[in-house]
């Protein structure tokens, strides 16, 4: 089997492209990416000295804007710390939500608290599907991240038994072996059913008299 091609071509970016570069950057990309996306949409072009020079002012402006955004994100990460946000949702008696809590929901909750966090910065492997306390990572860049807690509460009181139940990540009940409690009025001691010596003697005397 032939080895995959590692050939790249050089292009000049006409605008900012996330994870690739900013306007005025000269970058290397795979030919297919350039031919099918960057070049036909005008996002990039073949680099020339004249065009590189023409984009220098735009590049400096974009760089300054990125630095401003990074400073804002540093402030947000510092403010988040170990923040706890509470979301109230409808659920059934087992605590399973009617729907789920998504990255967008968490983003909206943080924005409501005054922290401008885009949903793309919310690291959530799977949507939250039941009530509980969940650790969530907020990450803008590799070195800009914070751990917060999302508490999902029911919009009503649940039965006490719900508190003793265990669920998996999908909200399914985990069967556990719990010792059942005796019903009211029942006595599970041996003395409740055993015959006393006095009762046995009385029965024996009654049988003798009848004979």
Protein backbone atom coordinates (compact mmCIF):
# COMPACT_ATOMS: atom_id res chain seq x y z
CA UNK A 1 0.00 0.00 0.00
CA UNK A 2 1.49 3.36 -0.96
CA UNK A 3 2.29 5.76 1.86
CA UNK A 4 -0.12 8.67 2.26
CA UNK A 5 0.97 11.86 0.55
CA UNK A 6 2.58 14.49 2.76
CA UNK A 7 2.82 17.12 0.03
CA UNK A 8 1.63 20.60 0.93
CA UNK A 9 1.30 23.92 -0.84
CA UNK A 10 1.77 27.48 0.43
CA UNK A 11 -1.10 29.97 0.49
CA UNK A 12 -1.67 33.51 1.75
CA UNK A 13 -4.66 33.95 4.07
CA UNK A 14 -7.06 36.77 3.24
CA UNK A 15 -8.91 36.37 6.54
CA UNK A 16 -8.56 34.69 9.92
CA UNK A 17 -8.98 30.91 9.90
CA UNK A 18 -9.28 29.19 13.28
CA UNK A 19 -6.43 26.77 14.04
CA UNK A 20 -4.64 27.85 10.85
CA UNK A 21 -3.68 31.52 10.98
CA UNK A 22 -4.73 35.15 10.67
CA UNK A 23 -5.10 37.42 7.68
CA UNK A 24 -1.72 38.05 6.07
CA UNK A 25 -0.19 34.78 7.29
CA UNK A 26 1.57 32.56 4.77
CA UNK A 27 0.76 28.96 5.70
CA UNK A 28 1.19 25.46 4.33
CA UNK A 29 -1.90 23.32 3.73
CA UNK A 30 -2.84 20.17 1.89
CA UNK A 31 -3.57 20.69 -1.81
CA UNK A 32 -7.14 19.39 -1.54
CA UNK A 33 -7.97 21.76 1.31
CA UNK A 34 -6.67 24.70 -0.69
CA UNK A 35 -8.21 23.68 -4.00
CA UNK A 36 -11.66 22.71 -2.65
CA UNK A 37 -12.14 25.24 0.12
CA UNK A 38 -9.63 28.05 0.71
CA UNK A 39 -8.99 29.21 -2.85
CA UNK A 40 -12.49 29.01 -4.40
CA UNK A 41 -14.04 30.86 -1.44
CA UNK A 42 -11.42 33.61 -1.53
CA UNK A 43 -10.23 32.75 1.97
CA UNK A 44 -6.68 32.36 0.64
CA UNK A 45 -4.70 33.00 -2.52
CA UNK A 46 -1.30 32.26 -3.98
CA UNK A 47 1.27 34.36 -2.12
CA UNK A 48 3.15 37.14 -3.90
CA UNK A 49 5.42 39.78 -2.40
CA UNK A 50 3.01 42.49 -3.45
CA UNK A 51 -0.02 40.85 -1.80
CA UNK A 52 1.91 39.95 1.34
CA UNK A 53 2.94 43.59 1.70
CA UNK A 54 -0.60 44.78 1.03
CA UNK A 55 -1.97 42.67 3.89
CA UNK A 56 0.59 43.74 6.51
CA UNK A 57 -1.64 46.42 8.01
CA UNK A 58 -4.61 44.05 8.20
CA UNK A 59 -2.37 41.41 9.77
CA UNK A 60 -1.17 43.79 12.48
CA UNK A 61 -4.76 44.78 13.25
CA UNK A 62 -5.89 41.14 13.44
CA UNK A 63 -2.97 40.29 15.71
CA UNK A 64 -3.88 43.12 18.09
CA UNK A 65 -7.51 41.94 18.13
CA UNK A 66 -6.44 38.40 18.99
CA UNK A 67 -4.34 39.69 21.88
CA UNK A 68 -7.34 41.62 23.17
CA UNK A 69 -9.54 38.51 22.98
CA UNK A 70 -6.91 36.45 24.78
CA UNK A 71 -6.70 39.00 27.59
CA UNK A 72 -10.50 38.90 27.95
CA UNK A 73 -10.42 35.11 28.09
CA UNK A 74 -7.74 35.17 30.78
CA UNK A 75 -10.03 37.37 32.85
CA UNK A 76 -12.97 35.00 32.32
CA UNK A 77 -10.93 31.93 33.29
CA UNK A 78 -9.73 33.71 36.43
CA UNK A 79 -13.30 34.64 37.36
CA UNK A 80 -14.65 31.13 36.80
CA UNK A 81 -12.31 29.50 39.31
CA UNK A 82 -14.41 26.71 40.83
CA UNK A 83 -17.72 28.36 39.99
CA UNK A 84 -20.96 26.43 40.52
CA UNK A 85 -23.95 27.05 38.27
CA UNK A 86 -27.39 25.58 38.94
CA UNK A 87 -29.86 24.61 36.23
CA UNK A 88 -33.44 23.58 37.04
CA UNK A 89 -35.06 21.02 34.75
CA UNK A 90 -38.18 18.84 34.56
CA UNK A 91 -37.61 15.14 35.19
CA UNK A 92 -39.41 11.93 36.08
CA UNK A 93 -39.55 10.34 39.54
CA UNK A 94 -36.19 8.65 38.93
CA UNK A 95 -34.47 11.96 38.24
CA UNK A 96 -34.11 11.37 34.50
CA UNK A 97 -34.55 14.61 32.57
CA UNK A 98 -37.17 15.24 29.94
CA UNK A 99 -34.54 16.22 27.41
CA UNK A 100 -30.92 16.98 28.31
CA UNK A 101 -28.49 19.70 29.33
CA UNK A 102 -26.20 20.59 26.42
CA UNK A 103 -23.11 22.72 25.83
CA UNK A 104 -25.38 25.54 24.66
CA UNK A 105 -27.42 25.34 27.89
CA UNK A 106 -24.25 25.63 29.98
CA UNK A 107 -22.98 28.50 27.83
CA UNK A 108 -26.30 30.33 28.28
CA UNK A 109 -26.16 29.80 32.05
CA UNK A 110 -22.62 31.20 32.27
CA UNK A 111 -23.49 34.19 30.09
CA UNK A 112 -26.47 34.89 32.38
CA UNK A 113 -23.98 34.97 35.28
CA UNK A 114 -21.86 37.52 33.42
CA UNK A 115 -19.23 35.20 31.91
CA UNK A 116 -19.02 35.31 28.12
CA UNK A 117 -18.34 31.66 27.30
CA UNK A 118 -19.14 30.34 23.84
CA UNK A 119 -20.57 26.82 23.62
CA UNK A 120 -17.43 25.70 21.77
CA UNK A 121 -15.42 26.35 24.93
CA UNK A 122 -17.64 24.01 26.98
CA UNK A 123 -16.03 20.58 27.09
CA UNK A 124 -18.87 18.10 27.57
CA UNK A 125 -18.37 14.53 26.36
CA UNK A 126 -22.09 13.70 26.48
CA UNK A 127 -25.25 15.69 27.22
CA UNK A 128 -26.36 15.56 30.86
CA UNK A 129 -29.51 13.45 31.16
CA UNK A 130 -30.33 13.33 34.89
CA UNK A 131 -30.22 15.44 38.03
CA UNK A 132 -26.92 15.64 39.88
CA UNK A 133 -23.61 17.47 40.25
CA UNK A 134 -21.31 17.39 37.22
CA UNK A 135 -17.73 18.68 36.75
CA UNK A 136 -17.35 20.54 33.45
CA UNK A 137 -14.21 21.92 31.80
CA UNK A 138 -14.22 25.35 30.16
CA UNK A 139 -11.32 25.65 27.72
CA UNK A 140 -10.53 28.48 25.29
CA UNK A 141 -6.97 27.43 24.53
CA UNK A 142 -4.58 24.76 25.81
CA UNK A 143 -3.34 27.04 28.58
CA UNK A 144 -6.67 28.77 29.24
CA UNK A 145 -8.98 26.38 31.04
CA UNK A 146 -11.00 26.10 34.25
CA UNK A 147 -13.06 23.46 36.03
CA UNK A 148 -16.58 24.38 37.10
CA UNK A 149 -19.53 22.48 38.59
CA UNK A 150 -22.94 22.24 37.01
CA UNK A 151 -25.73 21.25 39.39
CA UNK A 152 -28.89 20.03 37.70
CA UNK A 153 -31.88 20.21 40.04
CA UNK A 154 -35.42 18.91 39.63
CA UNK A 155 -38.20 21.47 39.32
CA UNK A 156 -40.16 19.62 42.00
CA UNK A 157 -39.64 17.47 45.08
CA UNK A 158 -38.80 13.85 44.36
CA UNK A 159 -39.61 10.78 46.48
CA UNK A 160 -37.05 10.01 49.19
CA UNK A 161 -36.41 6.65 47.56
CA UNK A 162 -34.98 8.49 44.55
CA UNK A 163 -32.11 9.70 46.70
CA UNK A 164 -31.10 6.07 47.39
CA UNK A 165 -31.16 4.99 43.76
CA UNK A 166 -28.04 4.71 41.62
CA UNK A 167 -27.99 5.51 37.90
CA UNK A 168 -25.50 5.15 35.08
CA UNK A 169 -24.44 7.99 32.76
CA UNK A 170 -27.44 7.38 30.50
CA UNK A 171 -29.89 7.71 33.37
CA UNK A 172 -30.62 3.98 33.59
CA UNK A 173 -31.26 2.52 37.04
CA UNK A 174 -28.46 0.36 38.44
CA UNK A 175 -29.88 -2.63 40.31
CA UNK A 176 -28.52 -2.85 43.86
CA UNK A 177 -29.14 -5.50 46.53
CA UNK A 178 -30.72 -3.67 49.43
CA UNK A 179 -32.13 -5.48 52.46
CA UNK A 180 -35.89 -4.97 52.47
CA UNK A 181 -37.46 -3.48 55.56
CA UNK A 182 -40.22 -5.43 57.39
CA UNK A 183 -43.75 -4.21 56.90
CA UNK A 184 -45.38 -2.25 59.72
CA UNK A 185 -46.68 -4.59 62.41
CA UNK A 186 -44.48 -7.50 61.34
CA UNK A 187 -41.91 -8.97 63.73
CA UNK A 188 -39.06 -10.85 62.08
CA UNK A 189 -37.63 -12.21 65.35
CA UNK A 190 -37.72 -15.94 66.13
CA UNK A 191 -39.62 -15.23 69.36
CA UNK A 192 -42.63 -14.05 67.37
CA UNK A 193 -43.31 -17.52 65.94
CA UNK A 194 -41.69 -19.93 68.42
CA UNK A 195 -43.95 -21.83 70.89
CA UNK A 196 -43.17 -21.13 74.58
CA UNK A 197 -42.68 -24.07 77.04
CA UNK A 198 -45.77 -23.01 79.02
CA UNK A 199 -47.94 -23.14 75.89
CA UNK A 200 -46.60 -26.60 75.05
CA UNK A 201 -47.33 -28.01 78.54
CA UNK A 202 -50.87 -26.59 78.51
CA UNK A 203 -51.64 -28.26 75.22
CA UNK A 204 -50.26 -31.60 76.45
CA UNK A 205 -52.41 -31.52 79.64
CA UNK A 206 -55.52 -30.71 77.58
CA UNK A 207 -54.93 -33.71 75.33
CA UNK A 208 -54.48 -36.02 78.39
CA UNK A 209 -57.75 -34.82 79.97
CA UNK A 210 -59.69 -35.50 76.80
CA UNK A 211 -58.28 -39.01 76.61
